[in-house]
């Protein structure tokens, strides 16, 4: 495995909402990860650019989120790949 200092960030390009890199869910909250600013999500201060829907904003809003906050509370939804 490569050292985290030399890992290439494969999620640096911003994606549209209908094709996020990852989807995370916690109750009625959903985070669509559209961009990651660094390759290592475990780094202190790691940020993601997300489209977030919640009871407070059911239509959703765009913004930066701390990866640790999302990973600590939510579950990653894995898309099934058609054979």
C-alpha atoms as a PDB file:
ATOM      1  CA  UNK A   1       0.000   0.000   0.000  1.00  0.00           C
ATOM      2  CA  UNK A   2       1.197   3.499  -0.767  1.00  0.00           C
ATOM      3  CA  UNK A   3       2.175   5.947   1.924  1.00  0.00           C
ATOM      4  CA  UNK A   4      -0.622   8.460   2.628  1.00  0.00           C
ATOM      5  CA  UNK A   5       1.722  11.331   1.753  1.00  0.00           C
ATOM      6  CA  UNK A   6       2.071  10.036  -1.810  1.00  0.00           C
ATOM      7  CA  UNK A   7      -1.486   8.786  -2.342  1.00  0.00           C
ATOM      8  CA  UNK A   8      -3.209  10.344  -5.334  1.00  0.00           C
ATOM      9  CA  UNK A   9      -6.561  11.963  -4.609  1.00  0.00           C
ATOM     10  CA  UNK A  10      -8.999  10.240  -6.981  1.00  0.00           C
ATOM     11  CA  UNK A  11     -11.946  12.304  -5.665  1.00  0.00           C
ATOM     12  CA  UNK A  12     -10.594  15.812  -6.270  1.00  0.00           C
ATOM     13  CA  UNK A  13     -12.797  16.632  -9.265  1.00  0.00           C
ATOM     14  CA  UNK A  14     -16.285  17.845  -8.300  1.00  0.00           C
ATOM     15  CA  UNK A  15     -19.063  15.501  -9.404  1.00  0.00           C
ATOM     16  CA  UNK A  16     -22.742  16.331 -10.042  1.00  0.00           C
ATOM     17  CA  UNK A  17     -25.353  15.461  -7.392  1.00  0.00           C
ATOM     18  CA  UNK A  18     -26.686  12.538  -9.422  1.00  0.00           C
ATOM     19  CA  UNK A  19     -23.247  10.843  -9.436  1.00  0.00           C
ATOM     20  CA  UNK A  20     -21.598  11.310  -6.009  1.00  0.00           C
ATOM     21  CA  UNK A  21     -18.387   9.566  -4.950  1.00  0.00           C
ATOM     22  CA  UNK A  22     -20.098   8.297  -1.782  1.00  0.00           C
ATOM     23  CA  UNK A  23     -23.451   8.486  -0.009  1.00  0.00           C
ATOM     24  CA  UNK A  24     -23.702   8.559   3.789  1.00  0.00           C
ATOM     25  CA  UNK A  25     -26.946   8.320   5.792  1.00  0.00           C
ATOM     26  CA  UNK A  26     -27.842   8.905   9.454  1.00  0.00           C
ATOM     27  CA  UNK A  27     -31.568   8.868  10.177  1.00  0.00           C
ATOM     28  CA  UNK A  28     -33.189  11.571   8.056  1.00  0.00           C
ATOM     29  CA  UNK A  29     -29.828  13.130   7.129  1.00  0.00           C
ATOM     30  CA  UNK A  30     -28.096  12.301   3.837  1.00  0.00           C
ATOM     31  CA  UNK A  31     -24.668  13.439   2.638  1.00  0.00           C
ATOM     32  CA  UNK A  32     -23.749  13.077  -1.038  1.00  0.00           C
ATOM     33  CA  UNK A  33     -19.962  13.432  -1.256  1.00  0.00           C
ATOM     34  CA  UNK A  34     -19.222  15.420  -4.412  1.00  0.00           C
ATOM     35  CA  UNK A  35     -15.528  16.171  -3.780  1.00  0.00           C
ATOM     36  CA  UNK A  36     -12.784  15.259  -1.308  1.00  0.00           C
ATOM     37  CA  UNK A  37     -10.052  17.808  -0.674  1.00  0.00           C
ATOM     38  CA  UNK A  38      -7.443  15.214   0.369  1.00  0.00           C
ATOM     39  CA  UNK A  39      -6.708  11.540  -0.257  1.00  0.00           C
ATOM     40  CA  UNK A  40      -6.712  10.461   3.418  1.00  0.00           C
ATOM     41  CA  UNK A  41     -10.134  10.891   5.072  1.00  0.00           C
ATOM     42  CA  UNK A  42      -8.634  10.089   8.496  1.00  0.00           C
ATOM     43  CA  UNK A  43      -6.425  13.187   8.569  1.00  0.00           C
ATOM     44  CA  UNK A  44      -7.327  15.819  11.141  1.00  0.00           C
ATOM     45  CA  UNK A  45      -9.435  18.491   9.468  1.00  0.00           C
ATOM     46  CA  UNK A  46     -10.207  16.377   6.376  1.00  0.00           C
ATOM     47  CA  UNK A  47     -13.034  18.055   4.431  1.00  0.00           C
ATOM     48  CA  UNK A  48     -15.572  16.950   1.862  1.00  0.00           C
ATOM     49  CA  UNK A  49     -17.769  19.070  -0.405  1.00  0.00           C
ATOM     50  CA  UNK A  50     -21.278  17.661   0.032  1.00  0.00           C
ATOM     51  CA  UNK A  51     -24.917  18.043  -0.902  1.00  0.00           C
ATOM     52  CA  UNK A  52     -26.754  17.581   2.395  1.00  0.00           C
ATOM     53  CA  UNK A  53     -30.461  16.957   2.985  1.00  0.00           C
ATOM     54  CA  UNK A  54     -31.942  17.047   6.482  1.00  0.00           C
ATOM     55  CA  UNK A  55     -35.208  17.828   8.304  1.00  0.00           C
ATOM     56  CA  UNK A  56     -33.980  21.433   8.550  1.00  0.00           C
ATOM     57  CA  UNK A  57     -33.269  21.700   4.816  1.00  0.00           C
ATOM     58  CA  UNK A  58     -35.313  19.040   2.961  1.00  0.00           C
ATOM     59  CA  UNK A  59     -34.442  20.522  -0.453  1.00  0.00           C
ATOM     60  CA  UNK A  60     -30.739  20.185   0.404  1.00  0.00           C
ATOM     61  CA  UNK A  61     -27.804  22.540   0.407  1.00  0.00           C
ATOM     62  CA  UNK A  62     -24.192  22.494  -0.744  1.00  0.00           C
ATOM     63  CA  UNK A  63     -21.234  23.018   1.550  1.00  0.00           C
ATOM     64  CA  UNK A  64     -18.014  21.750   3.089  1.00  0.00           C
ATOM     65  CA  UNK A  65     -18.267  19.156   5.857  1.00  0.00           C
ATOM     66  CA  UNK A  66     -15.679  17.584   8.126  1.00  0.00           C
ATOM     67  CA  UNK A  67     -15.200  13.940   7.149  1.00  0.00           C
ATOM     68  CA  UNK A  68     -14.774  12.837  10.785  1.00  0.00           C
ATOM     69  CA  UNK A  69     -18.181  14.308  11.740  1.00  0.00           C
ATOM     70  CA  UNK A  70     -19.941  12.365   8.993  1.00  0.00           C
ATOM     71  CA  UNK A  71     -18.026   9.095   9.429  1.00  0.00           C
ATOM     72  CA  UNK A  72     -18.595   9.197  13.206  1.00  0.00           C
ATOM     73  CA  UNK A  73     -22.389   9.405  12.926  1.00  0.00           C
ATOM     74  CA  UNK A  74     -23.453   8.043   9.544  1.00  0.00           C
ATOM     75  CA  UNK A  75     -23.335   4.780   7.602  1.00  0.00           C
ATOM     76  CA  UNK A  76     -21.901   4.628   4.102  1.00  0.00           C
ATOM     77  CA  UNK A  77     -24.346   3.333   1.513  1.00  0.00           C
ATOM     78  CA  UNK A  78     -22.633   1.034  -0.968  1.00  0.00           C
ATOM     79  CA  UNK A  79     -24.040   0.956  -4.475  1.00  0.00           C
ATOM     80  CA  UNK A  80     -24.493  -2.510  -5.934  1.00  0.00           C
ATOM     81  CA  UNK A  81     -22.830  -2.937  -9.282  1.00  0.00           C
ATOM     82  CA  UNK A  82     -24.857  -4.726 -11.941  1.00  0.00           C
ATOM     83  CA  UNK A  83     -23.164  -7.843 -13.298  1.00  0.00           C
END
